[in-house]
Amino acid sequence: MLANQPSPLPAGLAQHERNDGVSLQPGSESQGCPTPLDWQQVVAAFREEREICRVQTSAGPIDAVTFGSGPPLFLLNGFLGSHELFALLAWVLRDEHSMVLLDWPTGDDRSQPISAQARLSQLALQLVEVADELGHPQWTIHATSFGCLVALQTMLDVPDRVKWASLQGAFVSQRFSLAEKALLFAAKWSKKKVKEVQLARLIQQQNNRLWFPPFDVSRWDFYAQQAGETPVRDYAKLASIAGSVDLSQRLPQIKTSLLLVSCEGDGQRSNTAQREISERLPNSRIESLDHCGAIPHITHPHRLAKLLRQFRDLGLNCPEVPRED
């Protein structure tokens, strides 16, 4: 665990961040920053103030973490790490949204196997049942990588309940080679954590390290620790779902207003996937967030929050739907 020792104030949490690449609404007023805190203090405060409740769903129990106040916003994590990777973004938005954060349950290895599509539908249903338990007839979503797949499935299953969504690194399916599929199959039985696999650590560093603030090395350590604690078999299970489903043919059914966040460093495959989603969804738009890498909720949370505010304030969301008893 990282020690909560004071460190120099990261610019991303202590002053207004640059507006490069945030082009959704030119001329909009800059949003104020929260009380200056370094990331360690923010994470410590998030851990202290969050509330965790276990919700019994039709697909099994799931822990829901709530934080902040205002209209509900689900923050859906990706393949690696826990909900704590959203701590910095949640802190910036804490006075604007009541955020709900989930950690993906990967299921019991002894349980009866089901198809990848059925498992994805289960995860979407669990999200809906958490919203029901918390009393949210409608909500919004911000998701990253694997969470985007769950968000899309949710918008297909309950189209009248998701007001708007923003997807960061979105895809409708992932295509793996035969060799990659074999590795994923073997990884499902691994007892290691990601941090114990040298190749995985090197890939993470190559893909993400460059985009972290150079004056705040410890923030990279926070991400590396969180991602590294992920069991390899849990990652493999989620990746197998992503590689086995394909939502492309159902995309035109989605009528929800959708923001696709394109980040510098996403890679050609990711950028192509986002363009394909946008072409099939008339209510979507792609906006760039440059100089942030693929995980801006950690590298530059203020800039991502500003982009989400601008999309929210455009008024593209659907009118509220009364909750049925």
Protein backbone atom coordinates (compact mmCIF):
# COMPACT_ATOMS: atom_id res chain seq x y z
CA MET A 1 0.00 0.00 0.00
CA LEU A 2 1.29 3.46 -0.81
CA ALA A 3 2.05 5.67 2.15
CA ASN A 4 -0.10 8.79 2.46
CA GLN A 5 2.81 11.19 2.80
CA PRO A 6 2.42 14.78 1.59
CA SER A 7 3.87 15.37 -1.87
CA PRO A 8 4.17 18.43 -4.14
CA LEU A 9 0.77 19.52 -5.40
CA PRO A 10 0.13 17.97 -8.82
CA ALA A 11 -0.90 20.67 -11.29
CA GLY A 12 -3.86 18.54 -12.35
CA LEU A 13 -5.36 18.81 -8.87
CA ALA A 14 -4.11 22.20 -7.76
CA GLN A 15 -4.81 24.55 -10.64
CA HIS A 16 -6.85 24.88 -13.83
CA GLU A 17 -5.68 22.42 -16.44
CA ARG A 18 -5.18 23.30 -20.08
CA ASN A 19 -8.11 23.05 -22.43
CA ASP A 20 -6.17 21.44 -25.32
CA GLY A 21 -8.33 19.02 -27.24
CA VAL A 22 -11.53 19.74 -25.30
CA SER A 23 -13.53 21.09 -28.22
CA LEU A 24 -17.12 20.19 -27.41
CA GLN A 25 -18.31 23.70 -26.62
CA PRO A 26 -15.78 26.42 -27.46
CA GLY A 27 -16.00 29.50 -25.31
CA SER A 28 -17.59 27.82 -22.31
CA GLU A 29 -16.48 29.07 -18.93
CA SER A 30 -13.71 27.26 -17.17
CA GLN A 31 -14.86 25.21 -14.19
CA GLY A 32 -13.35 25.78 -10.78
CA CYS A 33 -11.10 23.19 -9.22
CA PRO A 34 -11.74 21.52 -5.87
CA THR A 35 -9.79 22.34 -2.75
CA PRO A 36 -6.12 21.81 -3.65
CA LEU A 37 -5.14 18.32 -2.54
CA ASP A 38 -2.48 15.99 -3.83
CA TRP A 39 -3.69 12.66 -5.20
CA GLN A 40 -2.78 10.79 -2.02
CA GLN A 41 -4.97 13.07 0.08
CA VAL A 42 -7.77 12.80 -2.46
CA VAL A 43 -7.70 9.01 -2.44
CA ALA A 44 -7.57 8.96 1.36
CA ALA A 45 -10.57 11.31 1.55
CA PHE A 46 -12.44 9.25 -1.05
CA ARG A 47 -11.89 6.09 0.96
CA GLU A 48 -13.11 7.78 4.12
CA GLU A 49 -16.23 9.37 2.64
CA ARG A 50 -17.44 6.65 0.26
CA GLU A 51 -20.23 4.32 1.28
CA ILE A 52 -20.19 0.65 0.32
CA CYS A 53 -23.32 -1.48 0.24
CA ARG A 54 -23.71 -5.07 -0.89
CA VAL A 55 -26.63 -5.51 -3.26
CA GLN A 56 -28.16 -8.94 -3.75
CA THR A 57 -28.96 -9.25 -7.45
CA SER A 58 -30.45 -12.03 -9.54
CA ALA A 59 -26.92 -12.90 -10.71
CA GLY A 60 -25.39 -12.82 -7.24
CA PRO A 61 -24.14 -10.17 -4.81
CA ILE A 62 -22.26 -7.09 -5.97
CA ASP A 63 -20.69 -4.28 -3.95
CA ALA A 64 -21.88 -0.80 -4.93
CA VAL A 65 -19.80 2.19 -3.87
CA THR A 66 -21.56 5.56 -3.64
CA PHE A 67 -19.88 8.95 -3.39
CA GLY A 68 -20.94 12.58 -3.82
CA SER A 69 -24.35 14.19 -4.21
CA GLY A 70 -26.54 15.12 -7.16
CA PRO A 71 -27.99 13.28 -10.17
CA PRO A 72 -26.73 9.67 -10.36
CA LEU A 73 -23.66 8.94 -12.48
CA PHE A 74 -22.34 5.39 -12.82
CA LEU A 75 -18.56 5.13 -13.24
CA LEU A 76 -17.72 1.80 -14.88
CA ASN A 77 -14.17 0.52 -14.64
CA GLY A 78 -12.22 -1.32 -17.31
CA PHE A 79 -10.26 -4.57 -17.40
CA LEU A 80 -7.75 -3.74 -14.66
CA GLY A 81 -7.81 -2.34 -11.15
CA SER A 82 -10.71 -1.48 -8.88
CA HIS A 83 -13.24 1.32 -8.58
CA GLU A 84 -10.56 3.33 -6.76
CA LEU A 85 -9.05 4.21 -10.14
CA PHE A 86 -11.99 6.63 -10.47
CA ALA A 87 -11.26 8.30 -7.11
CA LEU A 88 -9.72 11.44 -8.61
CA LEU A 89 -12.53 12.00 -11.14
CA ALA A 90 -15.14 11.24 -8.48
CA TRP A 91 -13.57 13.84 -6.20
CA VAL A 92 -13.72 16.53 -8.89
CA LEU A 93 -17.42 15.76 -9.55
CA ARG A 94 -18.45 15.10 -5.96
CA ASP A 95 -20.68 18.20 -5.66
CA GLU A 96 -22.37 17.63 -9.04
CA HIS A 97 -23.24 13.93 -9.08
CA SER A 98 -24.07 11.06 -6.79
CA MET A 99 -21.64 8.57 -8.24
CA VAL A 100 -22.05 4.81 -8.20
CA LEU A 101 -18.92 2.72 -8.72
CA LEU A 102 -18.83 -1.04 -9.26
CA ASP A 103 -16.15 -3.72 -9.21
CA TRP A 104 -16.88 -6.43 -11.75
CA PRO A 105 -17.72 -9.77 -10.12
CA THR A 106 -15.96 -12.47 -12.12
CA GLY A 107 -18.04 -15.35 -10.79
CA ASP A 108 -17.24 -18.62 -9.09
CA ASP A 109 -14.94 -20.91 -11.07
CA ARG A 110 -17.13 -23.82 -9.96
CA SER A 111 -20.36 -22.29 -11.23
CA GLN A 112 -22.01 -23.58 -14.37
CA PRO A 113 -20.42 -21.91 -17.43
CA ILE A 114 -22.57 -19.61 -19.53
CA SER A 115 -21.99 -17.88 -22.85
CA ALA A 116 -20.07 -14.62 -23.03
CA GLN A 117 -23.18 -12.78 -24.21
CA ALA A 118 -25.20 -14.16 -21.31
CA ARG A 119 -22.49 -13.07 -18.87
CA LEU A 120 -22.41 -9.57 -20.36
CA SER A 121 -26.19 -9.37 -20.04
CA GLN A 122 -25.88 -10.47 -16.41
CA LEU A 123 -23.45 -7.65 -15.66
CA ALA A 124 -25.78 -5.12 -17.30
CA LEU A 125 -28.70 -6.50 -15.30
CA GLN A 126 -26.71 -6.22 -12.08
CA LEU A 127 -26.09 -2.56 -12.86
CA VAL A 128 -29.83 -2.02 -13.34
CA GLU A 129 -30.66 -3.86 -10.13
CA VAL A 130 -28.14 -1.74 -8.23
CA ALA A 131 -29.85 1.37 -9.61
CA ASP A 132 -33.21 -0.02 -8.48
CA GLU A 133 -31.86 -0.72 -5.00
CA LEU A 134 -30.52 2.84 -4.75
CA GLY A 135 -33.79 4.33 -6.01
CA HIS A 136 -32.52 5.72 -9.33
CA PRO A 137 -35.18 5.61 -12.09
CA GLN A 138 -32.70 7.15 -14.52
CA TRP A 139 -28.97 7.70 -14.51
CA THR A 140 -25.98 8.60 -16.65
CA ILE A 141 -22.84 6.58 -17.33
CA HIS A 142 -19.16 7.22 -17.84
CA ALA A 143 -17.24 4.08 -18.72
CA THR A 144 -13.78 3.03 -19.81
CA SER A 145 -12.63 0.00 -21.88
CA PHE A 146 -14.53 -3.09 -20.66
CA GLY A 147 -17.03 -0.89 -18.85
CA CYS A 148 -18.04 0.53 -22.25
CA LEU A 149 -19.24 -2.90 -23.30
CA VAL A 150 -21.43 -3.15 -20.20
CA ALA A 151 -22.71 0.38 -20.80
CA LEU A 152 -23.71 -0.41 -24.39
CA GLN A 153 -25.48 -3.59 -23.29
CA THR A 154 -27.32 -1.62 -20.60
CA MET A 155 -28.47 0.97 -23.15
CA LEU A 156 -29.79 -1.86 -25.31
CA ASP A 157 -31.60 -3.58 -22.44
CA VAL A 158 -33.13 -0.52 -20.71
CA PRO A 159 -33.05 2.30 -23.27
CA ASP A 160 -35.43 4.53 -21.33
CA ARG A 161 -33.32 4.61 -18.19
CA VAL A 162 -29.89 5.80 -19.36
CA LYS A 163 -30.14 9.56 -19.93
CA TRP A 164 -26.75 9.95 -21.60
CA ALA A 165 -23.43 8.19 -21.61
CA SER A 166 -19.78 8.92 -22.28
CA LEU A 167 -17.51 6.09 -23.36
CA GLN A 168 -13.74 6.25 -23.19
CA GLY A 169 -11.92 3.67 -25.31
CA ALA A 170 -15.18 2.10 -26.49
CA PHE A 171 -15.53 -1.04 -28.61
CA VAL A 172 -18.30 -3.46 -29.53
CA SER A 173 -16.04 -6.50 -29.78
CA GLN A 174 -12.38 -7.39 -29.66
CA ARG A 175 -10.73 -9.72 -32.12
CA PHE A 176 -7.97 -11.96 -30.81
CA SER A 177 -5.64 -14.20 -32.79
CA LEU A 178 -5.60 -17.94 -32.13
CA ALA A 179 -2.42 -17.50 -30.11
CA GLU A 180 -4.02 -14.75 -28.01
CA LYS A 181 -7.10 -16.89 -27.42
CA ALA A 182 -4.89 -19.75 -26.26
CA LEU A 183 -3.09 -17.43 -23.84
CA LEU A 184 -6.39 -16.14 -22.46
CA PHE A 185 -7.66 -19.68 -21.96
CA ALA A 186 -4.53 -20.61 -20.03
CA ALA A 187 -4.65 -17.36 -18.06
CA LYS A 188 -8.10 -18.25 -16.69
CA TRP A 189 -6.37 -20.83 -14.48
CA SER A 190 -3.48 -18.65 -13.40
CA LYS A 191 -3.00 -17.91 -9.70
CA LYS A 192 -0.79 -14.91 -10.37
CA LYS A 193 -1.57 -11.22 -10.24
CA VAL A 194 -0.81 -8.88 -13.12
CA LYS A 195 2.11 -7.35 -11.22
CA GLU A 196 3.78 -10.77 -11.18
CA VAL A 197 3.79 -11.02 -14.98
CA GLN A 198 6.75 -9.06 -16.30
CA LEU A 199 5.42 -8.75 -19.85
CA ALA A 200 2.13 -7.33 -18.58
CA ARG A 201 3.98 -4.75 -16.48
CA LEU A 202 6.10 -3.71 -19.45
CA ILE A 203 3.05 -3.34 -21.71
CA GLN A 204 1.27 -1.21 -19.10
CA GLN A 205 4.29 1.02 -18.74
CA GLN A 206 4.78 1.38 -22.49
CA ASN A 207 1.12 2.20 -23.12
CA ASN A 208 0.43 4.54 -20.20
CA ARG A 209 3.49 5.86 -18.37
CA LEU A 210 4.22 8.61 -20.89
CA TRP A 211 0.93 10.40 -20.22
CA PHE A 212 1.28 10.83 -16.46
CA PRO A 213 2.34 14.23 -15.08
CA PRO A 214 6.17 14.20 -15.07
CA PHE A 215 6.23 16.22 -11.85
CA ASP A 216 4.15 13.64 -9.97
CA VAL A 217 5.83 10.26 -10.37
CA SER A 218 3.90 8.77 -7.46
CA ARG A 219 0.59 9.00 -9.34
CA TRP A 220 1.91 6.43 -11.80
CA ASP A 221 2.80 4.24 -8.83
CA PHE A 222 -0.83 4.44 -7.69
CA TYR A 223 -2.11 3.26 -11.07
CA ALA A 224 0.55 0.55 -11.41
CA GLN A 225 -0.29 -0.79 -7.96
CA GLN A 226 -4.04 -0.81 -8.63
CA ALA A 227 -3.68 -2.47 -12.02
CA GLY A 228 -1.07 -4.88 -10.72
CA GLU A 229 -3.34 -6.22 -7.99
CA THR A 230 -5.76 -7.57 -10.59
CA PRO A 231 -5.73 -11.39 -10.68
CA VAL A 232 -4.63 -12.58 -14.12
CA ARG A 233 -7.59 -14.96 -14.29
CA ASP A 234 -10.05 -12.10 -13.65
CA TYR A 235 -8.55 -10.09 -16.49
CA ALA A 236 -8.70 -13.17 -18.73
CA LYS A 237 -12.38 -13.72 -17.97
CA LEU A 238 -13.30 -10.15 -18.90
CA ALA A 239 -11.10 -10.21 -21.99
CA SER A 240 -12.72 -13.47 -23.09
CA ILE A 241 -16.14 -11.82 -22.87
CA ALA A 242 -14.88 -8.89 -24.95
CA GLY A 243 -13.45 -11.27 -27.53
CA SER A 244 -16.58 -13.41 -27.82
CA VAL A 245 -19.44 -10.91 -28.08
CA ASP A 246 -20.27 -8.56 -30.95
CA LEU A 247 -22.80 -5.76 -30.46
CA SER A 248 -22.17 -4.11 -33.83
CA GLN A 249 -25.42 -5.26 -35.46
CA ARG A 250 -27.49 -3.95 -32.55
CA LEU A 251 -25.88 -0.52 -32.35
CA PRO A 252 -28.59 1.23 -34.44
CA GLN A 253 -31.08 0.30 -31.70
CA ILE A 254 -29.34 2.62 -29.24
CA LYS A 255 -31.03 6.03 -29.11
CA THR A 256 -29.22 7.35 -26.04
CA SER A 257 -27.14 10.51 -26.47
CA LEU A 258 -23.58 9.28 -26.51
CA LEU A 259 -20.19 10.95 -26.19
CA LEU A 260 -17.20 8.97 -27.43
CA VAL A 261 -14.01 10.21 -25.79
CA SER A 262 -11.04 9.73 -28.08
CA CYS A 263 -7.76 9.97 -26.20
CA GLU A 264 -4.32 10.45 -27.65
CA GLY A 265 -2.53 7.19 -27.07
CA ASP A 266 -5.62 5.01 -27.60
CA GLY A 267 -4.02 3.34 -30.60
CA GLN A 268 -5.26 2.76 -34.14
CA ARG A 269 -7.45 -0.21 -33.26
CA SER A 270 -9.28 1.75 -30.56
CA ASN A 271 -9.72 4.83 -32.76
CA THR A 272 -11.14 2.68 -35.56
CA ALA A 273 -13.57 1.01 -33.16
CA GLN A 274 -14.83 4.38 -31.93
CA ARG A 275 -15.34 5.69 -35.46
CA GLU A 276 -17.33 2.57 -36.36
CA ILE A 277 -19.55 3.06 -33.31
CA SER A 278 -20.12 6.72 -34.16
CA GLU A 279 -21.05 5.91 -37.77
CA ARG A 280 -23.80 3.56 -36.59
CA LEU A 281 -25.19 5.84 -33.89
CA PRO A 282 -26.85 9.08 -35.06
CA ASN A 283 -27.04 10.44 -31.51
CA SER A 284 -23.31 10.14 -30.90
CA ARG A 285 -20.30 12.37 -31.29
CA ILE A 286 -16.56 11.90 -30.94
CA GLU A 287 -14.49 14.43 -29.00
CA SER A 288 -10.74 14.37 -28.58
CA LEU A 289 -8.90 14.69 -25.31
CA ASP A 290 -5.27 15.19 -26.21
CA HIS A 291 -2.14 14.81 -24.07
CA CYS A 292 -3.98 12.60 -21.56
CA GLY A 293 -3.33 9.03 -22.68
CA ALA A 294 -5.90 6.24 -22.47
CA ILE A 295 -6.76 6.75 -18.78
CA PRO A 296 -7.49 10.49 -18.37
CA HIS A 297 -9.56 9.86 -15.23
CA ILE A 298 -6.18 9.28 -13.56
CA THR A 299 -3.74 11.38 -15.58
CA HIS A 300 -5.90 14.52 -16.05
CA PRO A 301 -9.22 14.18 -14.16
CA HIS A 302 -10.06 17.89 -14.35
CA ARG A 303 -9.92 17.95 -18.12
CA LEU A 304 -12.08 14.84 -18.42
CA ALA A 305 -14.57 16.29 -15.93
CA LYS A 306 -14.78 19.49 -17.97
CA LEU A 307 -15.56 17.51 -21.12
CA LEU A 308 -18.29 15.56 -19.32
CA ARG A 309 -19.80 18.78 -17.96
CA GLN A 310 -19.91 20.34 -21.41
CA PHE A 311 -21.66 17.32 -22.91
CA ARG A 312 -24.10 17.19 -20.00
CA ASP A 313 -24.89 20.88 -20.27
CA LEU A 314 -25.62 20.75 -23.99
CA GLY A 315 -29.06 19.46 -23.06
CA LEU A 316 -28.89 16.37 -25.26
CA ASN A 317 -30.24 14.07 -22.58
CA CYS A 318 -33.72 12.60 -22.79
CA PRO A 319 -36.58 13.83 -20.56
CA GLU A 320 -36.97 12.01 -17.30
CA VAL A 321 -39.18 8.95 -17.23
CA PRO A 322 -41.41 8.46 -14.16
CA ARG A 323 -40.51 5.37 -12.21
CA GLU A 324 -43.05 2.58 -12.38
CA ASP A 325 -44.15 0.97 -9.12
